[in-house]
Amino acid sequence: MPKTDKAKMPAAPVPEMSPERFEALRNRLQVQRQEILNMYKQDVRAGQESTDDGTEDIVDRANNSYNRELMFSISDGERLLLLQIEGAIKRMEGGVYGRCTGCGNGIHPLRLEAVPWARFCIDCQELAEKGLLEADAS
């Protein structure tokens, strides 16, 4: 069966995952999501507060500019992680969490414990990292 057909089929829950483990992972994802949102809000606030406020010293202005850029680059990484976490929560709500979005096979529960937002099984993750598997943001 082609990969596209498997990905569209509603998947049964991964048999190795108990309802308690599933709920624990859901809670963990929601907590991580909230932590990232809180950090993002803090970064935005700090970026707004660290204006040049009339500083004449060029070194201070350069320092302030560098710090703002650093905070916003960190925010980009946080934003990407937030999208991955929200994708995992959507897959949970859709009943396909724990299934590889590449091949449709179950993702090993230990992988989900380590990376609860994982979309791919190990094999498909390796293919995605090599650019051999389409890795959209779903």
C-alpha atoms as a PDB file:
ATOM      1  CA  MET A   1       0.000   0.000   0.000  1.00  0.00           C
ATOM      2  CA  PRO A   2       1.474   3.448  -0.884  1.00  0.00           C
ATOM      3  CA  LYS A   3       2.533   5.718   1.944  1.00  0.00           C
ATOM      4  CA  THR A   4      -0.080   8.342   1.108  1.00  0.00           C
ATOM      5  CA  ASP A   5      -2.897   5.824   1.602  1.00  0.00           C
ATOM      6  CA  LYS A   6      -1.596   4.757   5.016  1.00  0.00           C
ATOM      7  CA  ALA A   7      -1.194   8.345   6.199  1.00  0.00           C
ATOM      8  CA  LYS A   8      -4.842   9.112   5.369  1.00  0.00           C
ATOM      9  CA  MET A   9      -6.252   6.047   7.103  1.00  0.00           C
ATOM     10  CA  PRO A  10      -7.501   6.569  10.656  1.00  0.00           C
ATOM     11  CA  ALA A  11      -4.974   4.796  12.833  1.00  0.00           C
ATOM     12  CA  ALA A  12      -5.785   2.704  15.846  1.00  0.00           C
ATOM     13  CA  PRO A  13      -4.092   3.757  19.082  1.00  0.00           C
ATOM     14  CA  VAL A  14      -0.618   2.370  19.587  1.00  0.00           C
ATOM     15  CA  PRO A  15      -1.244  -0.839  21.562  1.00  0.00           C
ATOM     16  CA  GLU A  16       1.832  -0.433  23.773  1.00  0.00           C
ATOM     17  CA  MET A  17       0.550   2.878  25.147  1.00  0.00           C
ATOM     18  CA  SER A  18      -1.762   2.738  28.132  1.00  0.00           C
ATOM     19  CA  PRO A  19      -4.424   5.420  28.612  1.00  0.00           C
ATOM     20  CA  GLU A  20      -2.483   6.625  31.675  1.00  0.00           C
ATOM     21  CA  ARG A  21       0.731   7.036  29.660  1.00  0.00           C
ATOM     22  CA  PHE A  22      -1.195   8.788  26.889  1.00  0.00           C
ATOM     23  CA  GLU A  23      -2.738  11.222  29.391  1.00  0.00           C
ATOM     24  CA  ALA A  24       0.645  11.822  31.034  1.00  0.00           C
ATOM     25  CA  LEU A  25       2.154  12.686  27.647  1.00  0.00           C
ATOM     26  CA  ARG A  26      -0.779  14.990  26.860  1.00  0.00           C
ATOM     27  CA  ASN A  27      -0.276  16.802  30.184  1.00  0.00           C
ATOM     28  CA  ARG A  28       3.452  17.060  29.571  1.00  0.00           C
ATOM     29  CA  LEU A  29       2.885  18.555  26.114  1.00  0.00           C
ATOM     30  CA  GLN A  30       0.407  21.075  27.491  1.00  0.00           C
ATOM     31  CA  VAL A  31       2.805  22.108  30.270  1.00  0.00           C
ATOM     32  CA  GLN A  32       5.677  22.493  27.767  1.00  0.00           C
ATOM     33  CA  ARG A  33       3.398  24.503  25.485  1.00  0.00           C
ATOM     34  CA  GLN A  34       2.520  26.880  28.319  1.00  0.00           C
ATOM     35  CA  GLU A  35       6.172  27.222  29.383  1.00  0.00           C
ATOM     36  CA  ILE A  36       7.176  28.188  25.846  1.00  0.00           C
ATOM     37  CA  LEU A  37       4.335  30.693  25.604  1.00  0.00           C
ATOM     38  CA  ASN A  38       5.415  32.209  28.926  1.00  0.00           C
ATOM     39  CA  MET A  39       9.073  32.409  27.787  1.00  0.00           C
ATOM     40  CA  TYR A  40       8.007  33.969  24.508  1.00  0.00           C
ATOM     41  CA  LYS A  41       5.957  36.617  26.298  1.00  0.00           C
ATOM     42  CA  GLN A  42       8.910  37.312  28.590  1.00  0.00           C
ATOM     43  CA  ASP A  43      11.272  37.634  25.584  1.00  0.00           C
ATOM     44  CA  VAL A  44       8.920  40.052  23.864  1.00  0.00           C
ATOM     45  CA  ARG A  45       8.622  42.125  27.038  1.00  0.00           C
ATOM     46  CA  ALA A  46      12.399  42.177  27.488  1.00  0.00           C
ATOM     47  CA  GLY A  47      12.899  43.144  23.845  1.00  0.00           C
ATOM     48  CA  GLN A  48      10.497  46.022  24.216  1.00  0.00           C
ATOM     49  CA  GLU A  49      12.177  47.182  27.426  1.00  0.00           C
ATOM     50  CA  SER A  50      15.733  47.056  26.059  1.00  0.00           C
ATOM     51  CA  THR A  51      15.412  49.994  23.702  1.00  0.00           C
ATOM     52  CA  ASP A  52      18.305  52.342  23.122  1.00  0.00           C
ATOM     53  CA  ASP A  53      16.553  54.903  25.371  1.00  0.00           C
ATOM     54  CA  GLY A  54      18.688  57.747  24.115  1.00  0.00           C
ATOM     55  CA  THR A  55      22.002  56.109  24.953  1.00  0.00           C
ATOM     56  CA  GLU A  56      24.781  58.010  23.243  1.00  0.00           C
ATOM     57  CA  ASP A  57      27.442  55.362  23.779  1.00  0.00           C
ATOM     58  CA  ILE A  58      27.821  53.319  20.592  1.00  0.00           C
ATOM     59  CA  VAL A  59      29.037  50.273  22.566  1.00  0.00           C
ATOM     60  CA  ASP A  60      25.864  50.292  24.697  1.00  0.00           C
ATOM     61  CA  ARG A  61      23.699  50.561  21.588  1.00  0.00           C
ATOM     62  CA  ALA A  62      25.562  47.692  19.938  1.00  0.00           C
ATOM     63  CA  ASN A  63      25.181  45.606  23.103  1.00  0.00           C
ATOM     64  CA  ASN A  64      21.440  46.334  23.291  1.00  0.00           C
ATOM     65  CA  SER A  65      21.018  45.490  19.614  1.00  0.00           C
ATOM     66  CA  TYR A  66      22.942  42.215  20.004  1.00  0.00           C
ATOM     67  CA  ASN A  67      20.875  41.224  23.055  1.00  0.00           C
ATOM     68  CA  ARG A  68      17.604  41.915  21.206  1.00  0.00           C
ATOM     69  CA  GLU A  69      18.738  39.837  18.220  1.00  0.00           C
ATOM     70  CA  LEU A  70      19.789  36.995  20.523  1.00  0.00           C
ATOM     71  CA  MET A  71      16.421  37.007  22.310  1.00  0.00           C
ATOM     72  CA  PHE A  72      14.516  36.968  19.030  1.00  0.00           C
ATOM     73  CA  SER A  73      16.657  34.172  17.556  1.00  0.00           C
ATOM     74  CA  ILE A  74      15.991  32.086  20.658  1.00  0.00           C
ATOM     75  CA  SER A  75      12.326  32.899  20.200  1.00  0.00           C
ATOM     76  CA  ASP A  76      12.466  31.442  16.673  1.00  0.00           C
ATOM     77  CA  GLY A  77      13.629  28.100  18.084  1.00  0.00           C
ATOM     78  CA  GLU A  78      10.942  28.236  20.739  1.00  0.00           C
ATOM     79  CA  ARG A  79       8.368  29.034  18.079  1.00  0.00           C
ATOM     80  CA  LEU A  80       9.377  25.975  16.040  1.00  0.00           C
ATOM     81  CA  LEU A  81       9.137  23.746  19.112  1.00  0.00           C
ATOM     82  CA  LEU A  82       5.756  25.269  19.936  1.00  0.00           C
ATOM     83  CA  LEU A  83       4.476  24.364  16.459  1.00  0.00           C
ATOM     84  CA  GLN A  84       5.701  20.786  16.901  1.00  0.00           C
ATOM     85  CA  ILE A  85       4.035  20.521  20.309  1.00  0.00           C
ATOM     86  CA  GLU A  86       0.764  21.929  18.982  1.00  0.00           C
ATOM     87  CA  GLY A  87       0.932  19.451  16.101  1.00  0.00           C
ATOM     88  CA  ALA A  88       1.296  16.587  18.583  1.00  0.00           C
ATOM     89  CA  ILE A  89      -1.698  17.842  20.587  1.00  0.00           C
ATOM     90  CA  LYS A  90      -3.752  18.000  17.365  1.00  0.00           C
ATOM     91  CA  ARG A  91      -2.723  14.433  16.503  1.00  0.00           C
ATOM     92  CA  MET A  92      -3.854  13.375  19.991  1.00  0.00           C
ATOM     93  CA  GLU A  93      -7.206  15.047  19.444  1.00  0.00           C
ATOM     94  CA  GLY A  94      -7.463  13.455  15.995  1.00  0.00           C
ATOM     95  CA  GLY A  95      -6.745   9.972  17.318  1.00  0.00           C
ATOM     96  CA  VAL A  96      -3.542   9.490  15.314  1.00  0.00           C
ATOM     97  CA  TYR A  97      -0.961  10.332  17.976  1.00  0.00           C
ATOM     98  CA  GLY A  98       1.733   7.692  18.268  1.00  0.00           C
ATOM     99  CA  ARG A  99       1.532   6.827  14.573  1.00  0.00           C
ATOM    100  CA  CYS A 100       4.277   7.867  12.163  1.00  0.00           C
ATOM    101  CA  THR A 101       3.048  10.530   9.754  1.00  0.00           C
ATOM    102  CA  GLY A 102       5.433   9.111   7.155  1.00  0.00           C
ATOM    103  CA  CYS A 103       4.607   5.405   7.071  1.00  0.00           C
ATOM    104  CA  GLY A 104       1.673   4.993   9.474  1.00  0.00           C
ATOM    105  CA  ASN A 105       3.460   2.509  11.726  1.00  0.00           C
ATOM    106  CA  GLY A 106       3.472   2.974  15.477  1.00  0.00           C
ATOM    107  CA  ILE A 107       6.159   5.157  17.039  1.00  0.00           C
ATOM    108  CA  HIS A 108       7.910   3.313  19.839  1.00  0.00           C
ATOM    109  CA  PRO A 109       6.570   4.456  23.246  1.00  0.00           C
ATOM    110  CA  LEU A 110      10.114   5.098  24.533  1.00  0.00           C
ATOM    111  CA  ARG A 111      10.672   7.510  21.635  1.00  0.00           C
ATOM    112  CA  LEU A 112       7.446   9.302  22.544  1.00  0.00           C
ATOM    113  CA  GLU A 113       8.582   9.486  26.175  1.00  0.00           C
ATOM    114  CA  ALA A 114      11.832  11.115  25.049  1.00  0.00           C
ATOM    115  CA  VAL A 115      10.299  13.324  22.344  1.00  0.00           C
ATOM    116  CA  PRO A 116       6.526  13.506  22.906  1.00  0.00           C
ATOM    117  CA  TRP A 117       6.049  15.715  19.830  1.00  0.00           C
ATOM    118  CA  ALA A 118       7.728  13.142  17.532  1.00  0.00           C
ATOM    119  CA  ARG A 119       5.926  12.791  14.201  1.00  0.00           C
ATOM    120  CA  PHE A 120       8.080  10.078  12.706  1.00  0.00           C
ATOM    121  CA  CYS A 121       9.303   6.628  13.651  1.00  0.00           C
ATOM    122  CA  ILE A 122      13.094   6.321  13.778  1.00  0.00           C
ATOM    123  CA  ASP A 123      13.361   5.071  10.173  1.00  0.00           C
ATOM    124  CA  CYS A 124      11.240   7.886   8.727  1.00  0.00           C
ATOM    125  CA  GLN A 125      13.020  10.460  10.924  1.00  0.00           C
ATOM    126  CA  GLU A 126      16.326   9.394   9.384  1.00  0.00           C
ATOM    127  CA  LEU A 127      14.822   9.710   5.900  1.00  0.00           C
ATOM    128  CA  ALA A 128      13.437  13.165   6.738  1.00  0.00           C
ATOM    129  CA  GLU A 129      16.814  14.327   8.043  1.00  0.00           C
ATOM    130  CA  LYS A 130      18.433  13.172   4.790  1.00  0.00           C
ATOM    131  CA  GLY A 131      15.787  15.048   2.801  1.00  0.00           C
ATOM    132  CA  LEU A 132      14.294  11.847   1.420  1.00  0.00           C
ATOM    133  CA  LEU A 133      10.920  12.260   3.124  1.00  0.00           C
ATOM    134  CA  GLU A 134       8.697  15.289   2.945  1.00  0.00           C
ATOM    135  CA  ALA A 135       8.733  16.857   6.414  1.00  0.00           C
ATOM    136  CA  ASP A 136       5.843  19.323   6.450  1.00  0.00           C
ATOM    137  CA  ALA A 137       4.711  20.998   9.678  1.00  0.00           C
ATOM    138  CA  SER A 138       1.631  18.850  10.293  1.00  0.00           C
END
